[in-house]
């Protein structure tokens, strides 16, 4: 996908001085049937979410599945592809947390986990689903038990001199 219609090259920069992912993405999308692509993405998204829930030992309608965090891709893509594909699949609240950062690639999952753990509106045992988007229109999903909300979690700050094995 990130090559678009460009032929293979021996070195970077042979086709363009700037790596323009949008140009090659648009070229790729122009080479496939839009309806087929949309159906494929919808199927892939629903499949990875259902698989993550199943592998966590839960059902799609489990009330323990509290959040479904979308990747931090652009809002247009979220509104056109991700939200409609996943709406109604689970009882989870679908959340988009990328306004402050934009897409972080593989970092979307960790940033979303961080932001959800910092919230005070989940219970121990609640499950968060984290959908990740990768290059080449790949998607994945991981289910994580969220644990204790940040405001009720005891502080675990350890002074450097109190670390295990440090001399007293």
Protein backbone atom coordinates (compact mmCIF):
# COMPACT_ATOMS: atom_id res chain seq x y z
CA UNK A 1 0.00 0.00 0.00
CA UNK A 2 2.73 2.51 0.87
CA UNK A 3 4.24 2.07 -2.58
CA UNK A 4 1.03 3.01 -4.37
CA UNK A 5 1.59 2.66 -8.11
CA UNK A 6 5.31 3.38 -7.85
CA UNK A 7 7.52 0.58 -9.16
CA UNK A 8 10.04 -1.00 -6.81
CA UNK A 9 13.17 1.11 -6.46
CA UNK A 10 16.75 0.52 -5.41
CA UNK A 11 16.89 3.39 -2.97
CA UNK A 12 14.59 5.75 -1.10
CA UNK A 13 13.72 9.00 -2.82
CA UNK A 14 13.84 7.72 -6.39
CA UNK A 15 10.17 8.48 -7.01
CA UNK A 16 9.77 11.54 -4.83
CA UNK A 17 12.03 13.71 -2.70
CA UNK A 18 9.50 13.51 0.13
CA UNK A 19 7.95 10.35 1.56
CA UNK A 20 4.30 11.17 0.99
CA UNK A 21 2.23 8.39 2.54
CA UNK A 22 -1.03 10.12 1.61
CA UNK A 23 -0.10 10.13 -2.10
CA UNK A 24 0.64 6.42 -2.15
CA UNK A 25 -2.38 5.60 0.02
CA UNK A 26 -4.67 7.47 -2.37
CA UNK A 27 -3.10 5.67 -5.32
CA UNK A 28 -3.68 2.32 -3.61
CA UNK A 29 -7.28 3.13 -2.72
CA UNK A 30 -7.88 4.25 -6.30
CA UNK A 31 -6.82 0.82 -7.51
CA UNK A 32 -9.37 -1.16 -5.49
CA UNK A 33 -13.17 -1.25 -5.52
CA UNK A 34 -14.40 1.06 -2.75
CA UNK A 35 -17.30 -1.17 -1.70
CA UNK A 36 -15.11 -4.27 -1.56
CA UNK A 37 -12.50 -2.38 0.48
CA UNK A 38 -15.14 -1.07 2.93
CA UNK A 39 -16.63 -4.54 3.41
CA UNK A 40 -13.17 -6.03 3.92
CA UNK A 41 -12.26 -3.44 6.59
CA UNK A 42 -15.62 -3.86 8.33
CA UNK A 43 -15.18 -7.64 8.42
CA UNK A 44 -11.57 -7.39 9.65
CA UNK A 45 -12.46 -4.94 12.43
CA UNK A 46 -15.39 -6.99 13.68
CA UNK A 47 -13.32 -10.17 13.48
CA UNK A 48 -10.36 -8.87 15.54
CA UNK A 49 -12.67 -7.44 18.22
CA UNK A 50 -14.74 -10.63 18.45
CA UNK A 51 -11.56 -12.72 18.59
CA UNK A 52 -10.05 -10.60 21.39
CA UNK A 53 -13.26 -10.92 23.43
CA UNK A 54 -13.44 -14.67 22.83
CA UNK A 55 -9.79 -15.18 23.77
CA UNK A 56 -10.45 -13.22 26.97
CA UNK A 57 -13.10 -15.82 27.83
CA UNK A 58 -16.01 -13.41 27.40
CA UNK A 59 -19.05 -13.01 25.16
CA UNK A 60 -19.74 -10.07 22.85
CA UNK A 61 -22.59 -8.88 25.09
CA UNK A 62 -20.59 -9.07 28.33
CA UNK A 63 -21.15 -6.09 30.62
CA UNK A 64 -17.49 -6.40 31.73
CA UNK A 65 -16.39 -5.08 28.33
CA UNK A 66 -16.51 -1.42 29.28
CA UNK A 67 -14.61 0.45 26.55
CA UNK A 68 -13.68 -0.07 22.94
CA UNK A 69 -10.85 2.37 22.20
CA UNK A 70 -10.36 3.26 18.56
CA UNK A 71 -6.96 3.93 17.02
CA UNK A 72 -5.84 7.56 16.99
CA UNK A 73 -6.25 7.95 13.26
CA UNK A 74 -8.00 10.98 11.78
CA UNK A 75 -11.59 11.71 12.79
CA UNK A 76 -12.80 11.34 9.20
CA UNK A 77 -11.47 7.77 9.03
CA UNK A 78 -12.92 7.05 12.48
CA UNK A 79 -16.32 8.36 11.39
CA UNK A 80 -16.30 6.71 7.96
CA UNK A 81 -14.74 3.33 8.80
CA UNK A 82 -14.16 2.44 12.46
CA UNK A 83 -17.23 3.71 14.27
CA UNK A 84 -19.83 2.37 11.81
CA UNK A 85 -18.02 -0.97 11.62
CA UNK A 86 -17.96 -1.48 15.39
CA UNK A 87 -21.10 0.28 16.60
CA UNK A 88 -23.48 -2.22 18.18
CA UNK A 89 -21.03 -5.14 18.11
CA UNK A 90 -20.56 -5.02 21.90
CA UNK A 91 -22.08 -3.21 24.87
CA UNK A 92 -18.81 -1.29 25.27
CA UNK A 93 -18.62 2.47 25.06
CA UNK A 94 -16.70 3.35 21.89
CA UNK A 95 -14.08 5.99 22.71
CA UNK A 96 -11.76 8.08 20.57
CA UNK A 97 -8.86 9.54 22.54
CA UNK A 98 -6.63 10.87 19.75
CA UNK A 99 -7.55 14.55 19.61
CA UNK A 100 -4.48 15.57 21.60
CA UNK A 101 -1.94 13.43 19.79
CA UNK A 102 -3.10 12.21 16.41
CA UNK A 103 -2.00 8.80 15.13
CA UNK A 104 0.96 7.33 17.02
CA UNK A 105 1.19 4.09 15.04
CA UNK A 106 1.78 1.19 17.40
CA UNK A 107 1.82 3.73 20.24
CA UNK A 108 -1.94 4.27 19.90
CA UNK A 109 -2.65 1.21 22.03
CA UNK A 110 -0.36 2.24 24.90
CA UNK A 111 -1.52 5.85 24.81
CA UNK A 112 -5.17 4.74 24.86
CA UNK A 113 -4.44 2.32 27.73
CA UNK A 114 -2.74 5.12 29.66
CA UNK A 115 -5.66 7.49 29.11
CA UNK A 116 -8.29 4.92 30.09
CA UNK A 117 -6.39 3.88 33.22
CA UNK A 118 -6.24 7.54 34.28
CA UNK A 119 -10.03 7.81 34.17
CA UNK A 120 -12.09 7.23 37.29
CA UNK A 121 -15.14 5.68 35.68
CA UNK A 122 -14.27 2.00 35.55
CA UNK A 123 -14.36 -0.78 38.10
CA UNK A 124 -11.77 -3.45 38.87
CA UNK A 125 -12.39 -6.27 36.43
CA UNK A 126 -13.70 -4.05 33.64
CA UNK A 127 -12.24 -4.88 30.24
CA UNK A 128 -10.96 -2.38 27.71
CA UNK A 129 -10.66 -3.32 24.06
CA UNK A 130 -7.92 -1.53 22.15
CA UNK A 131 -8.10 -1.53 18.36
CA UNK A 132 -4.86 -0.75 16.57
CA UNK A 133 -4.36 0.23 12.94
CA UNK A 134 -1.14 -0.57 11.12
CA UNK A 135 0.44 -0.01 7.75
CA UNK A 136 -1.18 -1.73 4.81
CA UNK A 137 -4.65 -1.43 6.37
CA UNK A 138 -3.93 -4.05 9.02
CA UNK A 139 -5.94 -4.06 12.23
CA UNK A 140 -5.58 -5.79 15.57
CA UNK A 141 -7.30 -5.73 18.94
CA UNK A 142 -6.21 -6.55 22.47
CA UNK A 143 -8.42 -7.02 25.53
CA UNK A 144 -7.01 -5.67 28.80
CA UNK A 145 -8.40 -5.87 32.33
CA UNK A 146 -8.38 -2.24 33.47
CA UNK A 147 -7.94 -2.77 37.19
CA UNK A 148 -8.30 -0.08 39.81
CA UNK A 149 -9.14 3.52 38.77
CA UNK A 150 -6.26 5.98 39.19
CA UNK A 151 -7.90 8.03 41.98
CA UNK A 152 -8.28 4.99 44.24
CA UNK A 153 -4.96 3.35 43.38
CA UNK A 154 -2.35 3.59 46.16
CA UNK A 155 0.80 5.47 45.29
CA UNK A 156 3.71 3.19 44.48
CA UNK A 157 6.43 5.84 44.40
CA UNK A 158 9.64 4.33 45.68
CA UNK A 159 12.49 6.49 46.86
CA UNK A 160 15.75 5.55 45.12
CA UNK A 161 17.34 4.60 48.44
CA UNK A 162 14.46 2.25 49.26
CA UNK A 163 14.74 0.08 46.15
CA UNK A 164 15.26 -3.61 46.72
CA UNK A 165 18.92 -4.38 47.15
CA UNK A 166 19.96 -0.74 47.70
CA UNK A 167 22.20 -0.19 50.69
CA UNK A 168 20.50 1.45 53.67
